[in-house]
Amino acid sequence: MTIQLIPTDQTDIAPLKMSDRFRKEIVYFMSLPDGADAPKLGKDEYWIRLEDSVRWLDDGGFTLVSPLDAESVAEIELSEEQETWLEWMVKNKISTVKVVGGSVR
């Protein structure tokens, strides 16, 4: 199964098809909506700061902090799919996307 990522801030850009698995992975990248610059988001919408996307691409990975122990941090290498997605985000200056399709588990 596949999902589509539809840019909500760059409506002239075609959606990107991703594996259904990415629906669960996108939460690792989302920016927290608690800052003054945070946009209002609808159901299944995610905000990812463009500068974070650029940094993860440059670094080739991201940091994952355990929700159970803030001192437990892991460096995760980007998968090919994640890298393709971030390249699409950066190239098109996208920071908000809506996830459509696939299965919700």
PDB file of N, CA and C in Angstrom:
ATOM      1  N   MET A   1       0.833  -1.187   0.000  1.00  0.00           N
ATOM      2  CA  MET A   1       0.000   0.000   0.000  1.00  0.00           C
ATOM      3  C   MET A   1       0.876   1.248   0.000  1.00  0.00           C
ATOM      4  N   THR A   2       0.327   2.298  -0.531  1.00  0.00           N
ATOM      5  CA  THR A   2       1.060   3.560  -0.535  1.00  0.00           C
ATOM      6  C   THR A   2       0.201   4.673   0.047  1.00  0.00           C
ATOM      7  N   ILE A   3       0.882   5.711   0.465  1.00  0.00           N
ATOM      8  CA  ILE A   3       0.230   6.937   0.906  1.00  0.00           C
ATOM      9  C   ILE A   3       0.707   8.046  -0.025  1.00  0.00           C
ATOM     10  N   GLN A   4       0.038   9.171   0.062  1.00  0.00           N
ATOM     11  CA  GLN A   4       0.482  10.356  -0.662  1.00  0.00           C
ATOM     12  C   GLN A   4       0.720  11.459   0.351  1.00  0.00           C
ATOM     13  N   LEU A   5       1.802  12.195   0.134  1.00  0.00           N
ATOM     14  CA  LEU A   5       2.075  13.391   0.926  1.00  0.00           C
ATOM     15  C   LEU A   5       1.703  14.576   0.049  1.00  0.00           C
ATOM     16  N   ILE A   6       0.730  15.332   0.510  1.00  0.00           N
ATOM     17  CA  ILE A   6       0.238  16.476  -0.246  1.00  0.00           C
ATOM     18  C   ILE A   6       0.727  17.751   0.434  1.00  0.00           C
ATOM     19  N   PRO A   7       1.511  18.555  -0.263  1.00  0.00           N
ATOM     20  CA  PRO A   7       1.984  19.807   0.337  1.00  0.00           C
ATOM     21  C   PRO A   7       0.799  20.750   0.565  1.00  0.00           C
ATOM     22  N   THR A   8       0.670  21.263   1.766  1.00  0.00           N
ATOM     23  CA  THR A   8      -0.426  22.201   2.037  1.00  0.00           C
ATOM     24  C   THR A   8       0.039  23.650   1.998  1.00  0.00           C
ATOM     25  N   ASP A   9       1.334  23.863   1.942  1.00  0.00           N
ATOM     26  CA  ASP A   9       1.851  25.231   1.852  1.00  0.00           C
ATOM     27  C   ASP A   9       2.413  25.535   0.464  1.00  0.00           C
ATOM     28  N   GLN A  10       2.508  24.546  -0.387  1.00  0.00           N
ATOM     29  CA  GLN A  10       2.985  24.711  -1.763  1.00  0.00           C
ATOM     30  C   GLN A  10       2.019  23.922  -2.659  1.00  0.00           C
ATOM     31  N   THR A  11       0.827  24.459  -2.850  1.00  0.00           N
ATOM     32  CA  THR A  11      -0.248  23.714  -3.504  1.00  0.00           C
ATOM     33  C   THR A  11      -0.002  23.433  -4.984  1.00  0.00           C
ATOM     34  N   ASP A  12       1.001  24.070  -5.575  1.00  0.00           N
ATOM     35  CA  ASP A  12       1.305  23.824  -6.989  1.00  0.00           C
ATOM     36  C   ASP A  12       2.251  22.636  -7.189  1.00  0.00           C
ATOM     37  N   ILE A  13       2.704  22.005  -6.099  1.00  0.00           N
ATOM     38  CA  ILE A  13       3.618  20.872  -6.164  1.00  0.00           C
ATOM     39  C   ILE A  13       2.810  19.568  -6.133  1.00  0.00           C
ATOM     40  N   ALA A  14       3.155  18.642  -7.017  1.00  0.00           N
ATOM     41  CA  ALA A  14       2.475  17.346  -7.070  1.00  0.00           C
ATOM     42  C   ALA A  14       2.749  16.540  -5.803  1.00  0.00           C
ATOM     43  N   PRO A  15       1.778  15.746  -5.359  1.00  0.00           N
ATOM     44  CA  PRO A  15       1.988  14.893  -4.182  1.00  0.00           C
ATOM     45  C   PRO A  15       3.119  13.897  -4.404  1.00  0.00           C
ATOM     46  N   LEU A  16       3.689  13.440  -3.309  1.00  0.00           N
ATOM     47  CA  LEU A  16       4.753  12.448  -3.335  1.00  0.00           C
ATOM     48  C   LEU A  16       4.195  11.134  -2.799  1.00  0.00           C
ATOM     49  N   LYS A  17       4.393  10.038  -3.542  1.00  0.00           N
ATOM     50  CA  LYS A  17       3.963   8.717  -3.087  1.00  0.00           C
ATOM     51  C   LYS A  17       5.045   8.119  -2.192  1.00  0.00           C
ATOM     52  N   MET A  18       4.595   7.554  -1.089  1.00  0.00           N
ATOM     53  CA  MET A  18       5.490   6.924  -0.118  1.00  0.00           C
ATOM     54  C   MET A  18       4.877   5.598   0.309  1.00  0.00           C
ATOM     55  N   SER A  19       5.682   4.759   0.950  1.00  0.00           N
ATOM     56  CA  SER A  19       5.161   3.491   1.468  1.00  0.00           C
ATOM     57  C   SER A  19       4.228   3.769   2.649  1.00  0.00           C
ATOM     58  N   ASP A  20       3.309   2.863   2.867  1.00  0.00           N
ATOM     59  CA  ASP A  20       2.378   2.983   3.985  1.00  0.00           C
ATOM     60  C   ASP A  20       3.131   3.084   5.313  1.00  0.00           C
ATOM     61  N   ARG A  21       4.301   2.449   5.392  1.00  0.00           N
ATOM     62  CA  ARG A  21       5.117   2.477   6.607  1.00  0.00           C
ATOM     63  C   ARG A  21       5.503   3.911   7.003  1.00  0.00           C
ATOM     64  N   PHE A  22       5.655   4.784   6.005  1.00  0.00           N
ATOM     65  CA  PHE A  22       6.097   6.152   6.298  1.00  0.00           C
ATOM     66  C   PHE A  22       5.090   6.913   7.152  1.00  0.00           C
ATOM     67  N   ARG A  23       3.822   6.508   7.130  1.00  0.00           N
ATOM     68  CA  ARG A  23       2.811   7.149   7.979  1.00  0.00           C
ATOM     69  C   ARG A  23       3.243   7.130   9.446  1.00  0.00           C
ATOM     70  N   LYS A  24       3.887   6.051   9.861  1.00  0.00           N
ATOM     71  CA  LYS A  24       4.367   5.942  11.246  1.00  0.00           C
ATOM     72  C   LYS A  24       5.700   6.652  11.448  1.00  0.00           C
ATOM     73  N   GLU A  25       6.497   6.770  10.400  1.00  0.00           N
ATOM     74  CA  GLU A  25       7.826   7.374  10.510  1.00  0.00           C
ATOM     75  C   GLU A  25       7.803   8.896  10.506  1.00  0.00           C
ATOM     76  N   ILE A  26       6.814   9.503   9.882  1.00  0.00           N
ATOM     77  CA  ILE A  26       6.805  10.959   9.747  1.00  0.00           C
ATOM     78  C   ILE A  26       6.798  11.655  11.106  1.00  0.00           C
ATOM     79  N   VAL A  27       6.258  10.994  12.127  1.00  0.00           N
ATOM     80  CA  VAL A  27       6.226  11.608  13.455  1.00  0.00           C
ATOM     81  C   VAL A  27       7.620  11.848  14.028  1.00  0.00           C
ATOM     82  N   TYR A  28       8.621  11.109  13.558  1.00  0.00           N
ATOM     83  CA  TYR A  28       9.994  11.332  14.014  1.00  0.00           C
ATOM     84  C   TYR A  28      10.525  12.682  13.534  1.00  0.00           C
ATOM     85  N   PHE A  29       9.939  13.207  12.484  1.00  0.00           N
ATOM     86  CA  PHE A  29      10.443  14.427  11.852  1.00  0.00           C
ATOM     87  C   PHE A  29       9.607  15.667  12.149  1.00  0.00           C
ATOM     88  N   MET A  30       8.400  15.486  12.640  1.00  0.00           N
ATOM     89  CA  MET A  30       7.501  16.638  12.791  1.00  0.00           C
ATOM     90  C   MET A  30       8.021  17.627  13.830  1.00  0.00           C
ATOM     91  N   SER A  31       7.798  18.898  13.544  1.00  0.00           N
ATOM     92  CA  SER A  31       8.145  19.958  14.483  1.00  0.00           C
ATOM     93  C   SER A  31       7.001  20.093  15.475  1.00  0.00           C
ATOM     94  N   LEU A  32       7.345  20.392  16.705  1.00  0.00           N
ATOM     95  CA  LEU A  32       6.306  20.537  17.719  1.00  0.00           C
ATOM     96  C   LEU A  32       5.523  21.828  17.487  1.00  0.00           C
ATOM     97  N   PRO A  33       4.211  21.737  17.548  1.00  0.00           N
ATOM     98  CA  PRO A  33       3.368  22.899  17.243  1.00  0.00           C
ATOM     99  C   PRO A  33       3.202  23.857  18.424  1.00  0.00           C
ATOM    100  N   ASP A  34       4.267  24.052  19.215  1.00  0.00           N
ATOM    101  CA  ASP A  34       4.148  24.913  20.390  1.00  0.00           C
ATOM    102  C   ASP A  34       4.839  26.271  20.229  1.00  0.00           C
ATOM    103  N   GLY A  35       5.497  26.498  19.102  1.00  0.00           N
ATOM    104  CA  GLY A  35       6.185  27.766  18.877  1.00  0.00           C
ATOM    105  C   GLY A  35       5.272  28.809  18.254  1.00  0.00           C
ATOM    106  N   ALA A  36       5.693  30.046  18.340  1.00  0.00           N
ATOM    107  CA  ALA A  36       4.908  31.146  17.778  1.00  0.00           C
ATOM    108  C   ALA A  36       4.796  31.033  16.260  1.00  0.00           C
ATOM    109  N   ASP A  37       5.765  30.379  15.626  1.00  0.00           N
ATOM    110  CA  ASP A  37       5.747  30.246  14.168  1.00  0.00           C
ATOM    111  C   ASP A  37       5.009  28.996  13.690  1.00  0.00           C
ATOM    112  N   ALA A  38       4.430  28.234  14.621  1.00  0.00           N
ATOM    113  CA  ALA A  38       3.741  26.994  14.265  1.00  0.00           C
ATOM    114  C   ALA A  38       2.422  27.290  13.543  1.00  0.00           C
ATOM    115  N   PRO A  39       2.202  26.642  12.399  1.00  0.00           N
ATOM    116  CA  PRO A  39       0.942  26.836  11.676  1.00  0.00           C
ATOM    117  C   PRO A  39      -0.180  26.013  12.304  1.00  0.00           C
ATOM    118  N   LYS A  40      -1.399  26.387  12.027  1.00  0.00           N
ATOM    119  CA  LYS A  40      -2.550  25.575  12.426  1.00  0.00           C
ATOM    120  C   LYS A  40      -2.573  24.355  11.519  1.00  0.00           C
ATOM    121  N   LEU A  41      -2.743  23.197  12.106  1.00  0.00           N
ATOM    122  CA  LEU A  41      -2.738  21.963  11.336  1.00  0.00           C
ATOM    123  C   LEU A  41      -4.082  21.264  11.434  1.00  0.00           C
ATOM    124  N   GLY A  42      -4.468  20.632  10.336  1.00  0.00           N
ATOM    125  CA  GLY A  42      -5.682  19.837  10.315  1.00  0.00           C
ATOM    126  C   GLY A  42      -5.363  18.376  10.587  1.00  0.00           C
ATOM    127  N   LYS A  43      -6.387  17.555  10.476  1.00  0.00           N
ATOM    128  CA  LYS A  43      -6.236  16.115  10.673  1.00  0.00           C
ATOM    129  C   LYS A  43      -5.228  15.559   9.661  1.00  0.00           C
ATOM    130  N   ASP A  44      -4.323  14.728  10.128  1.00  0.00           N
ATOM    131  CA  ASP A  44      -3.302  14.067   9.307  1.00  0.00           C
ATOM    132  C   ASP A  44      -2.337  15.045   8.642  1.00  0.00           C
ATOM    133  N   GLU A  45      -2.190  16.250   9.206  1.00  0.00           N
ATOM    134  CA  GLU A  45      -1.231  17.233   8.687  1.00  0.00           C
ATOM    135  C   GLU A  45      -0.025  17.312   9.620  1.00  0.00           C
ATOM    136  N   TYR A  46       1.131  17.528   9.024  1.00  0.00           N
ATOM    137  CA  TYR A  46       2.384  17.590   9.773  1.00  0.00           C
ATOM    138  C   TYR A  46       3.191  18.797   9.329  1.00  0.00           C
ATOM    139  N   TRP A  47       3.831  19.423  10.309  1.00  0.00           N
ATOM    140  CA  TRP A  47       4.700  20.571  10.052  1.00  0.00           C
ATOM    141  C   TRP A  47       6.127  20.144  10.325  1.00  0.00           C
ATOM    142  N   ILE A  48       6.985  20.344   9.352  1.00  0.00           N
ATOM    143  CA  ILE A  48       8.407  20.033   9.469  1.00  0.00           C
ATOM    144  C   ILE A  48       9.168  21.289   9.071  1.00  0.00           C
ATOM    145  N   ARG A  49       9.877  21.885  10.006  1.00  0.00           N
ATOM    146  CA  ARG A  49      10.634  23.110   9.691  1.00  0.00           C
ATOM    147  C   ARG A  49      11.618  22.831   8.564  1.00  0.00           C
ATOM    148  N   LEU A  50      11.642  23.712   7.591  1.00  0.00           N
ATOM    149  CA  LEU A  50      12.513  23.548   6.435  1.00  0.00           C
ATOM    150  C   LEU A  50      13.982  23.460   6.851  1.00  0.00           C
ATOM    151  N   GLU A  51      14.390  24.259   7.814  1.00  0.00           N
ATOM    152  CA  GLU A  51      15.790  24.230   8.248  1.00  0.00           C
ATOM    153  C   GLU A  51      16.155  22.879   8.876  1.00  0.00           C
ATOM    154  N   ASP A  52      15.183  22.204   9.501  1.00  0.00           N
ATOM    155  CA  ASP A  52      15.443  20.867  10.034  1.00  0.00           C
ATOM    156  C   ASP A  52      15.619  19.863   8.899  1.00  0.00           C
ATOM    157  N   SER A  53      14.769  19.964   7.877  1.00  0.00           N
ATOM    158  CA  SER A  53      14.889  19.070   6.720  1.00  0.00           C
ATOM    159  C   SER A  53      16.260  19.207   6.075  1.00  0.00           C
ATOM    160  N   VAL A  54      16.723  20.441   5.932  1.00  0.00           N
ATOM    161  CA  VAL A  54      18.039  20.695   5.343  1.00  0.00           C
ATOM    162  C   VAL A  54      19.134  20.062   6.201  1.00  0.00           C
ATOM    163  N   ARG A  55      19.047  20.242   7.500  1.00  0.00           N
ATOM    164  CA  ARG A  55      20.068  19.705   8.419  1.00  0.00           C
ATOM    165  C   ARG A  55      20.099  18.178   8.378  1.00  0.00           C
ATOM    166  N   TRP A  56      18.925  17.538   8.406  1.00  0.00           N
ATOM    167  CA  TRP A  56      18.894  16.066   8.371  1.00  0.00           C
ATOM    168  C   TRP A  56      19.480  15.533   7.072  1.00  0.00           C
ATOM    169  N   LEU A  57      19.180  16.216   5.966  1.00  0.00           N
ATOM    170  CA  LEU A  57      19.762  15.801   4.684  1.00  0.00           C
ATOM    171  C   LEU A  57      21.279  15.931   4.713  1.00  0.00           C
ATOM    172  N   ASP A  58      21.759  17.063   5.205  1.00  0.00           N
ATOM    173  CA  ASP A  58      23.205  17.297   5.287  1.00  0.00           C
ATOM    174  C   ASP A  58      23.884  16.280   6.201  1.00  0.00           C
ATOM    175  N   ASP A  59      23.221  15.957   7.328  1.00  0.00           N
ATOM    176  CA  ASP A  59      23.798  15.025   8.299  1.00  0.00           C
ATOM    177  C   ASP A  59      23.639  13.566   7.876  1.00  0.00           C
ATOM    178  N   GLY A  60      22.659  13.294   7.025  1.00  0.00           N
ATOM    179  CA  GLY A  60      22.389  11.913   6.624  1.00  0.00           C
ATOM    180  C   GLY A  60      21.652  11.112   7.674  1.00  0.00           C
ATOM    181  N   GLY A  61      21.106  11.801   8.677  1.00  0.00           N
ATOM    182  CA  GLY A  61      20.383  11.109   9.742  1.00  0.00           C
ATOM    183  C   GLY A  61      19.724  12.095  10.689  1.00  0.00           C
ATOM    184  N   PHE A  62      19.131  11.541  11.737  1.00  0.00           N
ATOM    185  CA  PHE A  62      18.447  12.354  12.733  1.00  0.00           C
ATOM    186  C   PHE A  62      18.631  11.724  14.104  1.00  0.00           C
ATOM    187  N   THR A  63      18.328  12.491  15.135  1.00  0.00           N
ATOM    188  CA  THR A  63      18.452  12.032  16.512  1.00  0.00           C
ATOM    189  C   THR A  63      17.074  11.643  17.028  1.00  0.00           C
ATOM    190  N   LEU A  64      17.005  10.496  17.682  1.00  0.00           N
ATOM    191  CA  LEU A  64      15.755  10.012  18.262  1.00  0.00           C
ATOM    192  C   LEU A  64      15.943   9.889  19.766  1.00  0.00           C
ATOM    193  N   VAL A  65      15.093  10.594  20.511  1.00  0.00           N
ATOM    194  CA  VAL A  65      15.162  10.578  21.971  1.00  0.00           C
ATOM    195  C   VAL A  65      14.079   9.647  22.491  1.00  0.00           C
ATOM    196  N   SER A  66      14.442   8.790  23.420  1.00  0.00           N
ATOM    197  CA  SER A  66      13.485   7.845  23.991  1.00  0.00           C
ATOM    198  C   SER A  66      12.404   8.596  24.763  1.00  0.00           C
ATOM    199  N   PRO A  67      11.131   8.238  24.550  1.00  0.00           N
ATOM    200  CA  PRO A  67      10.071   8.876  25.322  1.00  0.00           C
ATOM    201  C   PRO A  67      10.073   8.432  26.788  1.00  0.00           C
ATOM    202  N   LEU A  68      10.794   7.361  27.086  1.00  0.00           N
ATOM    203  CA  LEU A  68      10.844   6.850  28.456  1.00  0.00           C
ATOM    204  C   LEU A  68      12.032   7.372  29.249  1.00  0.00           C
ATOM    205  N   ASP A  69      13.077   7.799  28.539  1.00  0.00           N
ATOM    206  CA  ASP A  69      14.297   8.254  29.208  1.00  0.00           C
ATOM    207  C   ASP A  69      14.980   9.280  28.315  1.00  0.00           C
ATOM    208  N   ALA A  70      14.869  10.546  28.659  1.00  0.00           N
ATOM    209  CA  ALA A  70      15.399  11.628  27.834  1.00  0.00           C
ATOM    210  C   ALA A  70      16.911  11.539  27.640  1.00  0.00           C
ATOM    211  N   GLU A  71      17.593  10.771  28.470  1.00  0.00           N
ATOM    212  CA  GLU A  71      19.038  10.620  28.318  1.00  0.00           C
ATOM    213  C   GLU A  71      19.401   9.539  27.303  1.00  0.00           C
ATOM    214  N   SER A  72      18.422   8.738  26.910  1.00  0.00           N
ATOM    215  CA  SER A  72      18.661   7.690  25.910  1.00  0.00           C
ATOM    216  C   SER A  72      18.407   8.271  24.528  1.00  0.00           C
ATOM    217  N   VAL A  73      19.508   8.505  23.810  1.00  0.00           N
ATOM    218  CA  VAL A  73      19.441   9.134  22.499  1.00  0.00           C
ATOM    219  C   VAL A  73      20.099   8.211  21.479  1.00  0.00           C
ATOM    220  N   ALA A  74      19.444   8.092  20.320  1.00  0.00           N
ATOM    221  CA  ALA A  74      20.007   7.262  19.251  1.00  0.00           C
ATOM    222  C   ALA A  74      20.153   8.104  17.989  1.00  0.00           C
ATOM    223  N   GLU A  75      21.247   7.888  17.290  1.00  0.00           N
ATOM    224  CA  GLU A  75      21.460   8.518  15.984  1.00  0.00           C
ATOM    225  C   GLU A  75      20.965   7.528  14.937  1.00  0.00           C
ATOM    226  N   ILE A  76      19.993   7.944  14.131  1.00  0.00           N
ATOM    227  CA  ILE A  76      19.380   7.080  13.132  1.00  0.00           C
ATOM    228  C   ILE A  76      19.776   7.552  11.735  1.00  0.00           C
ATOM    229  N   GLU A  77      20.296   6.640  10.929  1.00  0.00           N
ATOM    230  CA  GLU A  77      20.652   6.964   9.545  1.00  0.00           C
ATOM    231  C   GLU A  77      19.377   7.009   8.700  1.00  0.00           C
ATOM    232  N   LEU A  78      19.307   7.980   7.786  1.00  0.00           N
ATOM    233  CA  LEU A  78      18.145   8.090   6.910  1.00  0.00           C
ATOM    234  C   LEU A  78      18.042   6.879   5.988  1.00  0.00           C
ATOM    235  N   SER A  79      16.817   6.392   5.812  1.00  0.00           N
ATOM    236  CA  SER A  79      16.586   5.351   4.813  1.00  0.00           C
ATOM    237  C   SER A  79      16.542   6.035   3.444  1.00  0.00           C
ATOM    238  N   GLU A  80      16.620   5.248   2.385  1.00  0.00           N
ATOM    239  CA  GLU A  80      16.534   5.834   1.040  1.00  0.00           C
ATOM    240  C   GLU A  80      15.214   6.573   0.854  1.00  0.00           C
ATOM    241  N   GLU A  81      14.137   5.985   1.368  1.00  0.00           N
ATOM    242  CA  GLU A  81      12.826   6.610   1.240  1.00  0.00           C
ATOM    243  C   GLU A  81      12.763   7.941   1.999  1.00  0.00           C
ATOM    244  N   GLN A  82      13.285   7.977   3.204  1.00  0.00           N
ATOM    245  CA  GLN A  82      13.307   9.209   3.994  1.00  0.00           C
ATOM    246  C   GLN A  82      14.148  10.279   3.302  1.00  0.00           C
ATOM    247  N   GLU A  83      15.271   9.864   2.737  1.00  0.00           N
ATOM    248  CA  GLU A  83      16.136  10.802   2.025  1.00  0.00           C
ATOM    249  C   GLU A  83      15.423  11.379   0.796  1.00  0.00           C
ATOM    250  N   THR A  84      14.740  10.520   0.046  1.00  0.00           N
ATOM    251  CA  THR A  84      13.972  10.982  -1.128  1.00  0.00           C
ATOM    252  C   THR A  84      12.921  11.993  -0.700  1.00  0.00           C
ATOM    253  N   TRP A  85      12.224  11.711   0.388  1.00  0.00           N
ATOM    254  CA  TRP A  85      11.194  12.617   0.909  1.00  0.00           C
ATOM    255  C   TRP A  85      11.801  13.961   1.323  1.00  0.00           C
ATOM    256  N   LEU A  86      12.903  13.930   2.063  1.00  0.00           N
ATOM    257  CA  LEU A  86      13.525  15.182   2.496  1.00  0.00           C
ATOM    258  C   LEU A  86      14.052  15.991   1.314  1.00  0.00           C
ATOM    259  N   GLU A  87      14.591  15.323   0.315  1.00  0.00           N
ATOM    260  CA  GLU A  87      15.043  16.037  -0.888  1.00  0.00           C
ATOM    261  C   GLU A  87      13.866  16.736  -1.564  1.00  0.00           C
ATOM    262  N   TRP A  88      12.716  16.067  -1.641  1.00  0.00           N
ATOM    263  CA  TRP A  88      11.494  16.645  -2.209  1.00  0.00           C
ATOM    264  C   TRP A  88      11.044  17.853  -1.387  1.00  0.00           C
ATOM    265  N   MET A  89      11.084  17.716  -0.059  1.00  0.00           N
ATOM    266  CA  MET A  89      10.688  18.818   0.840  1.00  0.00           C
ATOM    267  C   MET A  89      11.595  20.037   0.630  1.00  0.00           C
ATOM    268  N   VAL A  90      12.909  19.814   0.623  1.00  0.00           N
ATOM    269  CA  VAL A  90      13.867  20.913   0.517  1.00  0.00           C
ATOM    270  C   VAL A  90      13.817  21.548  -0.875  1.00  0.00           C
ATOM    271  N   LYS A  91      13.848  20.724  -1.913  1.00  0.00           N
ATOM    272  CA  LYS A  91      13.825  21.240  -3.286  1.00  0.00           C
ATOM    273  C   LYS A  91      12.612  22.140  -3.525  1.00  0.00           C
ATOM    274  N   ASN A  92      11.467  21.765  -2.966  1.00  0.00           N
ATOM    275  CA  ASN A  92      10.222  22.500  -3.196  1.00  0.00           C
ATOM    276  C   ASN A  92       9.850  23.452  -2.065  1.00  0.00           C
ATOM    277  N   LYS A  93      10.746  23.581  -1.075  1.00  0.00           N
ATOM    278  CA  LYS A  93      10.534  24.475   0.071  1.00  0.00           C
ATOM    279  C   LYS A  93       9.196  24.201   0.774  1.00  0.00           C
ATOM    280  N   ILE A  94       8.954  22.922   1.016  1.00  0.00           N
ATOM    281  CA  ILE A  94       7.717  22.471   1.668  1.00  0.00           C
ATOM    282  C   ILE A  94       7.966  22.324   3.163  1.00  0.00           C
ATOM    283  N   SER A  95       7.013  22.795   3.956  1.00  0.00           N
ATOM    284  CA  SER A  95       7.134  22.607   5.402  1.00  0.00           C
ATOM    285  C   SER A  95       5.875  21.989   6.026  1.00  0.00           C
ATOM    286  N   THR A  96       4.765  21.935   5.301  1.00  0.00           N
ATOM    287  CA  THR A  96       3.576  21.277   5.829  1.00  0.00           C
ATOM    288  C   THR A  96       3.011  20.314   4.786  1.00  0.00           C
ATOM    289  N   VAL A  97       2.665  19.119   5.256  1.00  0.00           N
ATOM    290  CA  VAL A  97       2.109  18.098   4.374  1.00  0.00           C
ATOM    291  C   VAL A  97       0.912  17.423   5.050  1.00  0.00           C
ATOM    292  N   LYS A  98       0.025  16.947   4.205  1.00  0.00           N
ATOM    293  CA  LYS A  98      -1.106  16.126   4.655  1.00  0.00           C
ATOM    294  C   LYS A  98      -0.869  14.716   4.143  1.00  0.00           C
ATOM    295  N   VAL A  99      -1.060  13.737   5.030  1.00  0.00           N
ATOM    296  CA  VAL A  99      -0.911  12.325   4.680  1.00  0.00           C
ATOM    297  C   VAL A  99      -2.277  11.790   4.282  1.00  0.00           C
ATOM    298  N   VAL A 100      -2.362  11.226   3.073  1.00  0.00           N
ATOM    299  CA  VAL A 100      -3.615  10.715   2.543  1.00  0.00           C
ATOM    300  C   VAL A 100      -3.426   9.277   2.090  1.00  0.00           C
ATOM    301  N   GLY A 101      -4.404   8.432   2.357  1.00  0.00           N
ATOM    302  CA  GLY A 101      -4.378   7.046   1.896  1.00  0.00           C
ATOM    303  C   GLY A 101      -3.696   6.126   2.859  1.00  0.00           C
ATOM    304  N   GLY A 102      -3.507   4.885   2.414  1.00  0.00           N
ATOM    305  CA  GLY A 102      -2.870   3.888   3.254  1.00  0.00           C
ATOM    306  C   GLY A 102      -3.791   3.399   4.348  1.00  0.00           C
ATOM    307  N   SER A 103      -3.228   2.673   5.270  1.00  0.00           N
ATOM    308  CA  SER A 103      -4.017   2.142   6.376  1.00  0.00           C
ATOM    309  C   SER A 103      -3.552   2.766   7.674  1.00  0.00           C
ATOM    310  N   VAL A 104      -4.503   3.089   8.524  1.00  0.00           N
ATOM    311  CA  VAL A 104      -4.197   3.666   9.841  1.00  0.00           C
ATOM    312  C   VAL A 104      -4.274   2.528  10.842  1.00  0.00           C
ATOM    313  N   ARG A 105      -3.191   2.327  11.561  1.00  0.00           N
ATOM    314  CA  ARG A 105      -3.166   1.237  12.564  1.00  0.00           C
ATOM    315  C   ARG A 105      -2.915   1.779  13.927  1.00  0.00           C
TER     316      ARG A 105
END
